[in-house]
Protein backbone atom coordinates (compact mmCIF):
# COMPACT_ATOMS: atom_id res chain seq x y z
CA MET A 1 8.93 0.49 22.40
CA TRP A 2 8.37 4.22 22.50
CA ALA A 3 9.56 6.20 19.70
CA ASP A 4 9.89 8.77 22.02
CA PRO A 5 11.44 8.78 25.60
CA GLN A 6 9.53 11.44 26.87
CA GLN A 7 6.00 10.46 25.43
CA ARG A 8 7.06 7.06 27.11
CA GLN A 9 7.86 9.03 30.35
CA LEU A 10 4.88 11.07 30.55
CA ILE A 11 2.80 8.08 30.38
CA GLU A 12 4.48 6.40 33.22
CA ARG A 13 3.43 9.74 35.30
CA VAL A 14 0.36 8.98 34.58
CA GLY A 15 0.14 5.84 35.10
CA GLY A 16 1.62 6.02 38.21
CA ARG A 17 -2.24 8.41 39.37
CA ALA A 18 -4.70 5.20 40.17
CA HIS A 19 -6.41 6.31 37.37
CA GLY A 20 -6.20 9.99 38.33
CA GLN A 21 -8.91 11.55 39.67
CA ARG A 22 -10.91 13.26 37.40
CA GLN A 23 -10.96 17.65 37.53
CA ALA A 24 -14.15 18.58 38.41
CA GLY A 25 -15.95 20.92 35.59
CA GLY A 26 -15.13 24.79 35.73
CA ALA A 27 -18.34 26.36 38.11
CA GLY A 28 -18.21 28.49 35.42
CA ARG A 29 -17.60 28.58 31.88
CA ARG A 30 -16.86 31.47 30.19
CA THR A 31 -18.01 32.78 27.21
CA VAL A 32 -16.46 35.02 24.53
CA ALA A 33 -18.33 36.76 22.71
CA MET A 34 -17.09 37.46 19.07
CA GLY A 35 -17.59 40.62 17.28
CA GLU A 36 -16.61 39.67 13.79
CA GLN A 37 -16.26 36.47 11.76
CA GLY A 38 -12.94 34.55 11.45
CA ARG A 39 -10.40 34.95 8.96
CA ILE A 40 -8.28 32.54 7.54
CA ALA A 41 -4.62 33.26 7.65
CA LEU A 42 -2.13 31.13 6.83
CA LEU A 43 1.02 30.39 10.45
CA SER A 44 4.20 28.66 9.38
CA GLY A 45 2.70 26.40 6.61
CA VAL A 46 -0.35 25.71 8.40
CA SER A 47 -3.71 26.59 7.72
CA VAL A 48 -5.71 28.22 10.79
CA VAL A 49 -8.77 30.74 11.52
CA ALA A 50 -8.40 34.07 13.37
CA PHE A 51 -9.86 35.35 15.41
CA PRO A 52 -10.04 38.49 17.54
CA GLY A 53 -8.59 39.23 21.04
CA GLN A 54 -8.05 37.07 23.47
CA PRO A 55 -9.91 37.70 26.75
CA ASP A 56 -7.73 37.29 29.82
CA PRO A 57 -7.88 33.90 31.40
CA ALA A 58 -8.79 32.79 34.73
CA PRO A 59 -6.45 33.80 37.81
CA HIS A 60 -5.50 30.43 39.15
CA ALA A 61 -4.10 29.05 35.05
CA THR A 62 -1.59 31.09 35.57
CA ARG A 63 -0.17 28.72 38.43
CA THR A 64 -1.17 25.41 36.03
CA THR A 65 2.38 24.44 34.24
CA ILE A 66 1.74 22.23 30.74
CA THR A 67 3.48 19.61 32.21
CA VAL A 68 0.39 19.28 35.10
CA ALA A 69 -2.04 19.97 32.58
CA VAL A 70 -1.40 17.17 30.50
CA GLU A 71 -0.49 14.87 33.13
CA ARG A 72 -4.17 15.85 34.31
CA PHE A 73 -5.55 15.50 31.09
CA LEU A 74 -4.40 12.14 30.56
CA GLY A 75 -5.73 10.95 33.77
CA SER A 76 -9.03 11.60 33.20
CA ARG A 77 -9.28 9.45 30.69
CA THR A 78 -10.61 6.38 31.29
CA ALA A 79 -9.08 4.18 27.75
CA ALA A 80 -5.71 3.06 28.04
CA THR A 81 -5.74 3.18 23.91
CA THR A 82 -6.62 6.67 24.06
CA CYS A 83 -3.87 7.71 26.16
CA THR A 84 -1.09 6.27 24.54
CA ARG A 85 -2.64 7.80 21.65
CA TYR A 86 -2.55 11.56 23.02
CA ALA A 87 0.98 10.89 24.34
CA GLU A 88 2.62 11.61 21.12
CA THR A 89 1.21 14.37 20.49
CA LEU A 90 1.09 16.46 23.85
CA ALA A 91 4.96 14.92 24.36
CA ARG A 92 5.10 17.00 21.41
CA LEU A 93 3.41 19.87 23.00
CA THR A 94 5.19 19.87 26.19
CA ALA A 95 8.61 19.86 24.05
CA ILE A 96 7.66 23.10 22.28
CA THR A 97 6.22 24.86 25.04
CA GLY A 98 8.58 23.52 28.22
CA PRO A 99 7.36 21.76 30.57
CA ASP A 100 6.77 25.02 32.90
CA HIS A 101 5.19 26.63 30.50
CA PRO A 102 1.71 28.00 32.02
CA VAL A 103 -0.94 26.44 30.28
CA ALA A 104 -2.93 29.95 30.48
CA ALA A 105 0.32 31.29 28.26
CA LEU A 106 -0.52 28.50 25.02
CA THR A 107 -0.39 30.91 21.65
CA LEU A 108 -2.05 29.39 18.83
CA GLU A 109 1.46 29.98 17.34
CA GLN A 110 3.40 27.37 19.96
CA CYS A 111 -0.35 25.04 18.61
CA ALA A 112 0.80 25.23 14.94
CA ALA A 113 4.84 24.44 15.91
CA VAL A 114 3.42 20.87 17.48
CA MET A 115 1.24 20.15 14.44
CA ASP A 116 4.49 21.54 12.68
CA ARG A 117 6.30 18.42 12.91
CA TRP A 118 3.15 16.56 11.02
CA ASN A 119 2.55 18.70 8.50
CA THR A 120 4.18 16.78 5.26
CA ALA A 121 2.01 13.49 7.04
CA ALA A 122 -0.99 12.31 5.50
CA ALA A 123 -4.13 13.87 6.13
CA ALA A 124 -5.13 11.31 8.17
CA THR A 125 -2.32 11.53 10.36
CA TRP A 126 -2.69 15.47 10.21
CA ASN A 127 -6.26 15.06 11.42
CA ARG A 128 -5.58 12.40 14.47
CA HIS A 129 -2.91 14.61 15.56
CA LEU A 130 -5.05 17.56 16.00
CA SER A 131 -7.74 15.91 17.51
CA ALA A 132 -5.89 14.88 20.29
CA LEU A 133 -4.49 18.34 20.55
CA VAL A 134 -7.95 19.79 20.58
CA SER A 135 -9.46 17.74 22.70
CA PHE A 136 -6.97 18.83 25.15
CA THR A 137 -6.66 22.31 24.75
CA THR A 138 -10.62 21.79 24.95
CA TRP A 139 -10.51 20.12 28.28
CA ALA A 140 -8.81 22.78 29.38
CA GLN A 141 -10.95 25.60 28.98
CA ARG A 142 -13.22 24.23 30.25
CA GLN A 143 -11.39 23.32 33.05
CA GLU A 144 -10.49 27.80 32.84
CA LEU A 145 -7.70 26.88 32.34
CA LEU A 146 -7.56 28.20 28.79
CA ALA A 147 -9.62 31.57 28.60
CA THR A 148 -10.05 30.79 24.48
CA ASN A 149 -9.08 27.74 22.99
CA PRO A 150 -6.49 28.00 20.15
CA GLY A 151 -6.56 24.57 19.10
CA ARG A 152 -9.75 24.90 17.73
CA ARG A 153 -8.24 27.66 15.08
CA LEU A 154 -5.94 25.05 13.25
CA GLU A 155 -8.00 23.13 10.52
CA ARG A 156 -8.47 20.05 9.92
CA ARG A 157 -7.47 18.63 6.13
CA LYS A 158 -9.39 16.55 3.93
CA PRO A 159 -8.05 13.42 2.54
CA ALA A 160 -7.55 13.04 -0.63
CA ARG A 161 -9.48 10.77 -2.76
CA ARG A 162 -9.06 7.86 -4.38
CA GLY A 163 -8.47 8.01 -8.14
CA ASP A 164 -11.41 7.07 -10.43
CA ARG A 165 -11.01 3.53 -12.17
CA ALA A 166 -13.23 3.78 -14.60
CA ILE A 167 -11.81 3.23 -18.50
CA PRO A 168 -12.23 6.61 -19.67
CA ALA A 169 -14.72 7.36 -22.83
CA THR A 170 -11.57 8.50 -24.72
CA ARG A 171 -9.87 5.59 -24.12
CA LEU A 172 -12.99 3.19 -25.09
CA GLU A 173 -13.60 5.19 -28.52
CA LYS A 174 -9.98 4.18 -29.35
CA LEU A 175 -10.51 0.34 -28.36
CA PHE A 176 -13.24 -0.06 -30.49
CA THR A 177 -12.49 1.80 -33.30
CA ASP A 178 -8.50 0.70 -33.81
CA PRO A 179 -7.95 -1.90 -36.54
CA ALA A 180 -5.80 -3.82 -34.92
CA HIS A 181 -8.48 -4.12 -32.18
CA ALA A 182 -10.69 -5.54 -34.41
CA LEU A 183 -13.36 -8.06 -33.36
CA ARG A 184 -12.77 -11.44 -34.39
CA GLU A 185 -16.47 -12.40 -34.52
CA SER A 186 -19.45 -10.69 -35.69
CA THR A 187 -21.60 -8.56 -33.23
CA ARG A 188 -23.94 -9.24 -35.16
CA PRO A 189 -27.15 -10.75 -33.55
CA ALA A 190 -27.83 -14.03 -35.38
CA PRO A 191 -31.00 -14.29 -36.94
CA ARG A 192 -34.28 -16.53 -35.49
CA ARG A 193 -34.61 -19.43 -36.65
CA MET A 194 -38.21 -20.97 -36.92
CA SER A 195 -39.25 -23.70 -35.42
CA ARG A 196 -41.26 -26.31 -37.70
CA THR A 197 -44.06 -27.75 -35.75
CA ARG A 198 -44.49 -31.43 -36.62
CA SER A 199 -48.27 -31.56 -37.75
CA ALA A 200 -50.13 -34.65 -36.53
CA SER A 201 -50.76 -37.47 -38.41
């Protein structure tokens, strides 16, 4: 069962295409020269890397909507499991921007709003949805639908480390020195017994 009707509709539309036609890569990928290093910023509780200026998108990108771009992207995925896994994230993206929003106008704020849904989730869940979002924005940039990649400016989260299960040294010291936990037997090594060799008669 699908938890989100919009996610279900998205999968059905993509599945209706005969595996979809792969979109040819752009003749030339636009390169953006960054004159300064990115700075860390905080947007809606989401840690992002801020970069200067965004160049103008390719002319044809302004006519491509988020809905069309998402369907093309999912149609280009060969693995059905990947398509299903990405659908939840991209359905959220479509809901945030609106189905007719130009993909060329996708902003960092909208990407952050998408990820805000999993802001309190575990790091692994956050990273999984962020990977789906970045995969889409990277694909869109390669298709020259996006001039820059706002998804790449969102930061992955480090999974929490499992607690050390070793017994702390202070606790061990207390166990060894507390009279209530005295050892029942002596810990001194038993003296070695000298075996007598019988002389041959």
